[in-house]
Amino acid sequence: MSQSTLARLDDVHKRFGKIAALDGLDLTVNRGELLALLGPNGAGKSTAISILLGLQRPDRGMAGLFGEDPQSVEARQRIGIMMQEVNLPSVMRPRELIRQVSNYYPNPYDMPTVLEKLSLQQLADRPYGKLSGGQKRQVQFALAICGRPELLFLDEPTVGLDLKSREELWQVLRDLVHEGCSIVLTTHYLEEAEALANRVAVMAHGRVVAQGSVDEIRAHVSRKNVSYRSTLPRQTIEAWPEVLQWSEQSGRQQVVTRDAEALLRRLLAADAELSDVEVRRAGLAEAFAEITASAQSGNGKPS
């Protein structure tokens, strides 16, 4: 494992009875990146993370964490973990929980730094059980980062957070990456991956079917959205071969097309009064939908 690679899975297979959770999965986590691991339910994301964390063993293939066995104490002392479902003692206070978890690490953040990063100063001495769901998620995130991890695993970290708290946590993640922490993020909020990720890996059927930067993932989708204002009748436009879908909202017409240039030429030729034209490329959500649909139909190929 090279110094730039912090964690990796090589040709990993894992079955649960007749179900193949992972089917020859190759995955790397590189130093200094935020990797968003995306995929529909049942794609194998949780199993892949569990193997990287040493919580499960692969049936076949290799798993490495900092060049060590993922179950080694030395490797585990360099990671932080925030899982989707966490049970913590309701009578303990965040300050006590953070202090307890920090003691497992050789070079943790000091208490004031952790509380300030997550704006927990006013909550630090309240019983954990009396906190709201969003406040509990903030405490769980504090426990994940308090040890100053080199590699942070986050499973749906912003579930239950309001918009303001979510944006604040996003900023903490950006700051951590700037400080040198690498992050593996699994999320169903695709706008979260789009806003944060240096690299995206899309899983389906227990393997990676697409990976790259957000822009590279978007490029898998040839569709574009064209919106405009026009008096041309719907029937005319829907008859054009470039048009995949037509809709109208608040007086603006919207067309989904694979050939935006040809569509624009037709629109301009047919309507001299055409106005308010906007062309938008596919977002990560649309790319994710097309990639996973292709994989589900059996046409997806690892890339």
Protein backbone atom coordinates (compact mmCIF):
# COMPACT_ATOMS: atom_id res chain seq x y z
CA MET A 1 0.00 0.00 0.00
CA SER A 2 1.52 3.33 -1.07
CA GLN A 3 1.90 6.21 1.38
CA SER A 4 -0.83 8.12 -0.46
CA THR A 5 -3.33 5.25 -0.02
CA LEU A 6 -4.80 5.04 3.48
CA ALA A 7 -7.29 2.22 2.97
CA ARG A 8 -8.07 -0.24 0.22
CA LEU A 9 -10.15 -3.22 -0.76
CA ASP A 10 -8.77 -5.48 -3.49
CA ASP A 11 -11.10 -7.95 -5.22
CA VAL A 12 -13.16 -8.34 -2.06
CA HIS A 13 -16.02 -10.84 -1.97
CA LYS A 14 -18.51 -11.21 0.84
CA ARG A 15 -21.64 -13.37 0.97
CA PHE A 16 -24.44 -13.67 3.49
CA GLY A 17 -26.05 -16.98 2.66
CA LYS A 18 -27.20 -16.78 -0.95
CA ILE A 19 -26.78 -13.01 -1.12
CA ALA A 20 -23.54 -11.63 -2.58
CA ALA A 21 -23.02 -8.37 -0.69
CA LEU A 22 -19.66 -7.67 -2.36
CA ASP A 23 -18.68 -9.13 -5.71
CA GLY A 24 -15.03 -8.41 -6.45
CA LEU A 25 -15.00 -4.89 -4.99
CA ASP A 26 -11.94 -2.70 -5.61
CA LEU A 27 -11.86 0.53 -3.62
CA THR A 28 -9.14 2.91 -2.44
CA VAL A 29 -9.17 5.85 -0.05
CA ASN A 30 -6.39 8.35 -0.70
CA ARG A 31 -4.70 10.81 1.60
CA GLY A 32 -6.26 14.28 1.68
CA GLU A 33 -9.52 13.46 -0.06
CA LEU A 34 -13.19 13.32 0.83
CA LEU A 35 -14.55 10.24 -0.89
CA ALA A 36 -18.34 10.01 -1.20
CA LEU A 37 -19.46 6.40 -1.44
CA LEU A 38 -22.87 6.30 -3.10
CA GLY A 39 -25.25 3.55 -4.08
CA PRO A 40 -28.82 2.35 -3.71
CA ASN A 41 -29.89 0.31 -0.70
CA GLY A 42 -28.32 -3.13 -0.93
CA ALA A 43 -25.41 -1.96 -3.08
CA GLY A 44 -22.86 -3.12 -0.49
CA LYS A 45 -21.74 0.21 0.97
CA SER A 46 -22.23 -0.76 4.62
CA THR A 47 -20.52 -4.11 4.12
CA ALA A 48 -17.54 -2.43 2.45
CA ILE A 49 -17.19 0.03 5.34
CA SER A 50 -17.54 -2.75 7.91
CA ILE A 51 -14.69 -4.65 6.29
CA LEU A 52 -12.48 -1.55 6.16
CA LEU A 53 -13.20 -1.02 9.86
CA GLY A 54 -12.32 -4.62 10.69
CA LEU A 55 -15.85 -5.36 11.90
CA GLN A 56 -16.23 -8.10 9.28
CA ARG A 57 -13.80 -10.24 7.34
CA PRO A 58 -13.97 -10.72 3.56
CA ASP A 59 -14.62 -14.22 2.24
CA ARG A 60 -12.01 -13.56 -0.42
CA GLY A 61 -9.75 -10.66 -1.33
CA MET A 62 -7.66 -8.23 0.69
CA ALA A 63 -8.52 -5.36 3.04
CA GLY A 64 -5.92 -2.91 4.32
CA LEU A 65 -5.98 0.09 6.65
CA PHE A 66 -2.79 2.19 6.76
CA GLY A 67 -1.02 -0.87 5.37
CA GLU A 68 -2.13 -2.94 8.38
CA ASP A 69 -4.84 -5.45 9.13
CA PRO A 70 -8.02 -3.39 9.76
CA GLN A 71 -8.38 -5.12 13.13
CA SER A 72 -5.00 -3.95 14.40
CA VAL A 73 -5.05 -1.55 17.34
CA GLU A 74 -2.44 0.67 15.66
CA ALA A 75 -4.67 1.16 12.61
CA ARG A 76 -7.81 1.77 14.66
CA GLN A 77 -6.11 4.47 16.71
CA ARG A 78 -5.79 6.50 13.50
CA ILE A 79 -9.47 6.49 12.51
CA GLY A 80 -12.73 8.10 13.65
CA ILE A 81 -16.16 6.59 13.09
CA MET A 82 -19.70 7.97 13.06
CA MET A 83 -22.32 5.35 12.28
CA GLN A 84 -25.95 5.98 11.43
CA GLU A 85 -27.29 4.23 14.52
CA VAL A 86 -25.52 4.97 17.81
CA ASN A 87 -26.52 4.10 21.38
CA LEU A 88 -24.82 6.12 24.09
CA PRO A 89 -25.48 6.22 27.86
CA SER A 90 -28.34 8.67 28.41
CA VAL A 91 -27.09 9.82 31.83
CA MET A 92 -23.61 10.78 30.64
CA ARG A 93 -22.89 14.32 29.51
CA PRO A 94 -21.23 15.22 26.19
CA ARG A 95 -18.15 16.50 28.01
CA GLU A 96 -17.79 13.14 29.79
CA LEU A 97 -18.35 11.16 26.60
CA ILE A 98 -15.79 13.19 24.66
CA ARG A 99 -13.22 12.85 27.46
CA GLN A 100 -13.75 9.09 27.62
CA VAL A 101 -13.38 8.55 23.86
CA SER A 102 -10.39 10.93 23.64
CA ASN A 103 -8.51 8.73 26.07
CA TYR A 104 -8.32 5.95 23.46
CA TYR A 105 -6.22 8.12 21.12
CA PRO A 106 -2.54 9.11 21.35
CA ASN A 107 -2.95 12.72 20.15
CA PRO A 108 -6.55 13.90 20.60
CA TYR A 109 -7.89 17.43 20.30
CA ASP A 110 -8.26 19.25 23.60
CA MET A 111 -11.79 19.60 24.98
CA PRO A 112 -12.29 23.34 24.16
CA THR A 113 -11.33 22.71 20.52
CA VAL A 114 -13.85 19.89 20.11
CA LEU A 115 -16.65 21.85 21.76
CA GLU A 116 -15.92 24.91 19.65
CA LYS A 117 -15.75 23.01 16.36
CA LEU A 118 -19.27 21.63 16.92
CA SER A 119 -20.69 24.62 18.86
CA LEU A 120 -21.37 22.33 21.82
CA GLN A 121 -20.35 24.69 24.61
CA GLN A 122 -23.95 25.19 25.78
CA LEU A 123 -24.74 21.46 25.59
CA ALA A 124 -21.58 20.01 27.09
CA ASP A 125 -23.00 19.45 30.59
CA ARG A 126 -26.55 18.36 29.74
CA PRO A 127 -27.42 14.66 30.05
CA TYR A 128 -27.13 13.06 26.61
CA GLY A 129 -30.61 11.55 26.93
CA LYS A 130 -32.18 15.01 27.23
CA LEU A 131 -30.72 16.28 23.96
CA SER A 132 -32.73 16.54 20.74
CA GLY A 133 -32.06 14.17 17.86
CA GLY A 134 -30.03 16.78 15.99
CA GLN A 135 -28.02 17.64 19.11
CA LYS A 136 -27.26 13.97 19.66
CA ARG A 137 -25.91 13.73 16.09
CA GLN A 138 -23.62 16.68 16.82
CA VAL A 139 -22.30 14.91 19.92
CA GLN A 140 -21.78 11.71 17.93
CA PHE A 141 -19.81 13.68 15.36
CA ALA A 142 -17.71 15.20 18.16
CA LEU A 143 -16.88 11.67 19.37
CA ALA A 144 -15.83 10.72 15.83
CA ILE A 145 -13.35 13.60 15.47
CA CYS A 146 -12.12 14.14 19.04
CA GLY A 147 -9.19 11.75 18.58
CA ARG A 148 -7.79 13.87 15.71
CA PRO A 149 -8.18 10.98 13.21
CA GLU A 150 -6.21 10.71 10.02
CA LEU A 151 -9.14 8.93 8.40
CA LEU A 152 -12.76 9.57 9.27
CA PHE A 153 -15.68 7.28 8.35
CA LEU A 154 -19.09 8.98 8.31
CA ASP A 155 -22.33 7.08 7.68
CA GLU A 156 -25.21 9.47 6.93
CA PRO A 157 -23.78 12.11 9.30
CA THR A 158 -26.41 14.83 8.74
CA VAL A 159 -29.55 12.73 9.17
CA GLY A 160 -31.76 14.55 11.66
CA LEU A 161 -29.97 17.89 11.37
CA ASP A 162 -31.73 21.08 10.35
CA LEU A 163 -30.40 23.08 7.39
CA LYS A 164 -28.30 25.44 9.50
CA SER A 165 -26.69 22.60 11.50
CA ARG A 166 -26.06 20.65 8.30
CA GLU A 167 -24.24 23.57 6.69
CA GLU A 168 -22.19 24.09 9.85
CA LEU A 169 -21.16 20.44 9.83
CA TRP A 170 -20.24 20.71 6.14
CA GLN A 171 -17.88 23.53 7.04
CA VAL A 172 -16.29 21.43 9.79
CA LEU A 173 -15.71 18.67 7.24
CA ARG A 174 -14.05 21.12 4.85
CA ASP A 175 -11.84 22.37 7.68
CA LEU A 176 -10.84 18.83 8.63
CA VAL A 177 -9.83 18.02 5.05
CA HIS A 178 -7.85 21.27 4.95
CA GLU A 179 -6.06 20.14 8.13
CA GLY A 180 -5.08 16.86 6.44
CA CYS A 181 -7.85 14.50 7.51
CA SER A 182 -9.21 12.12 4.87
CA ILE A 183 -12.91 11.28 4.93
CA VAL A 184 -15.14 8.49 3.63
CA LEU A 185 -18.74 9.70 3.47
CA THR A 186 -21.81 7.61 2.76
CA THR A 187 -24.93 9.70 2.27
CA HIS A 188 -28.35 9.66 0.64
CA TYR A 189 -28.22 13.46 0.34
CA LEU A 190 -26.67 13.75 -3.10
CA GLU A 191 -26.35 17.52 -2.74
CA GLU A 192 -24.08 16.76 0.22
CA ALA A 193 -21.74 14.67 -1.92
CA GLU A 194 -21.89 17.28 -4.68
CA ALA A 195 -20.92 20.06 -2.25
CA LEU A 196 -18.13 18.22 -0.43
CA ALA A 197 -16.58 15.36 -2.36
CA ASN A 198 -13.23 15.42 -4.13
CA ARG A 199 -14.06 11.98 -5.52
CA VAL A 200 -17.22 9.93 -5.86
CA ALA A 201 -17.52 6.15 -6.10
CA VAL A 202 -20.90 4.73 -7.14
CA MET A 203 -21.63 1.17 -6.06
CA ALA A 204 -24.17 -1.31 -7.38
CA HIS A 205 -24.38 -5.09 -6.99
CA GLY A 206 -21.39 -5.15 -4.64
CA ARG A 207 -18.90 -3.43 -6.92
CA VAL A 208 -17.92 0.05 -8.09
CA VAL A 209 -19.66 0.89 -11.36
CA ALA A 210 -18.42 4.49 -11.73
CA GLN A 211 -15.90 6.69 -9.97
CA GLY A 212 -14.17 10.02 -10.43
CA SER A 213 -14.65 13.67 -9.57
CA VAL A 214 -18.18 15.09 -9.37
CA ASP A 215 -17.70 16.55 -12.86
CA GLU A 216 -16.50 13.20 -14.20
CA ILE A 217 -19.54 11.44 -12.73
CA ARG A 218 -21.83 14.08 -14.23
CA ALA A 219 -20.22 13.42 -17.62
CA HIS A 220 -21.73 9.91 -17.56
CA VAL A 221 -25.03 11.59 -18.32
CA SER A 222 -25.49 13.07 -21.76
CA ARG A 223 -28.80 14.73 -20.91
CA LYS A 224 -29.17 18.46 -20.40
CA ASN A 225 -32.06 20.55 -19.17
CA VAL A 226 -33.10 23.50 -21.37
CA SER A 227 -35.58 26.01 -19.97
CA TYR A 228 -37.04 29.01 -21.84
CA ARG A 229 -40.14 31.14 -22.43
CA SER A 230 -41.99 30.66 -25.71
CA THR A 231 -45.49 30.62 -27.20
CA LEU A 232 -44.73 27.53 -29.30
CA PRO A 233 -47.32 24.81 -28.67
CA ARG A 234 -46.31 21.79 -26.67
CA GLN A 235 -47.28 19.38 -29.45
CA THR A 236 -44.84 21.05 -31.86
CA ILE A 237 -41.90 20.78 -29.51
CA GLU A 238 -42.63 17.24 -28.32
CA ALA A 239 -42.54 16.08 -31.95
CA TRP A 240 -38.90 17.13 -32.36
CA PRO A 241 -36.46 14.19 -32.19
CA GLU A 242 -34.15 15.93 -29.71
CA VAL A 243 -36.88 16.20 -27.06
CA LEU A 244 -36.96 13.48 -24.40
CA GLN A 245 -39.30 15.21 -21.97
CA TRP A 246 -41.32 18.45 -21.87
CA SER A 247 -42.81 20.23 -18.88
CA GLU A 248 -43.99 23.69 -17.87
CA GLN A 249 -43.80 25.50 -14.56
CA SER A 250 -44.61 29.11 -13.69
CA GLY A 251 -44.69 30.12 -17.35
CA ARG A 252 -41.32 28.56 -18.19
CA GLN A 253 -41.04 25.57 -20.47
CA GLN A 254 -38.45 22.90 -19.68
CA VAL A 255 -37.07 20.27 -22.00
CA VAL A 256 -34.78 17.34 -21.26
CA THR A 257 -32.57 16.62 -24.26
CA ARG A 258 -29.44 14.77 -25.32
CA ASP A 259 -28.64 17.39 -27.99
CA ALA A 260 -29.04 20.85 -26.51
CA GLU A 261 -27.36 22.60 -29.44
CA ALA A 262 -29.74 21.13 -32.05
CA LEU A 263 -32.72 21.88 -29.83
CA LEU A 264 -31.68 25.51 -29.42
CA ARG A 265 -31.27 25.94 -33.17
CA ARG A 266 -34.83 24.62 -33.70
CA LEU A 267 -36.24 26.87 -30.99
CA LEU A 268 -34.56 29.99 -32.36
CA ALA A 269 -35.66 29.21 -35.92
CA ALA A 270 -39.26 28.56 -34.87
CA ASP A 271 -39.76 31.44 -32.43
CA ALA A 272 -38.19 34.84 -32.96
CA GLU A 273 -39.55 35.92 -29.57
CA LEU A 274 -37.80 33.12 -27.66
CA SER A 275 -36.51 34.46 -24.34
CA ASP A 276 -35.06 33.63 -20.93
CA VAL A 277 -33.10 30.64 -22.22
CA GLU A 278 -31.06 28.59 -19.76
CA VAL A 279 -29.10 25.38 -20.36
CA ARG A 280 -28.17 23.30 -17.33
CA ARG A 281 -26.10 20.17 -17.37
CA ALA A 282 -27.11 17.14 -15.34
CA GLY A 283 -26.44 17.26 -11.63
CA LEU A 284 -24.99 14.48 -9.51
CA ALA A 285 -28.47 13.24 -8.61
CA GLU A 286 -29.39 12.74 -12.27
CA ALA A 287 -26.04 11.09 -13.01
CA PHE A 288 -26.45 8.78 -10.02
CA ALA A 289 -29.94 7.79 -11.16
CA GLU A 290 -28.78 6.99 -14.70
CA ILE A 291 -25.65 5.10 -13.60
CA THR A 292 -27.48 2.95 -11.06
CA ALA A 293 -30.39 2.31 -13.43
CA SER A 294 -27.90 1.12 -16.05
CA ALA A 295 -26.22 -1.13 -13.48
CA GLN A 296 -29.56 -2.56 -12.34
CA SER A 297 -30.43 -3.43 -15.94
CA GLY A 298 -27.15 -5.28 -16.33
CA ASN A 299 -25.45 -2.72 -18.58
CA GLY A 300 -23.26 -1.12 -15.93
CA LYS A 301 -19.54 -1.75 -16.09
CA PRO A 302 -16.92 -0.89 -13.51
CA SER A 303 -14.88 2.15 -14.42
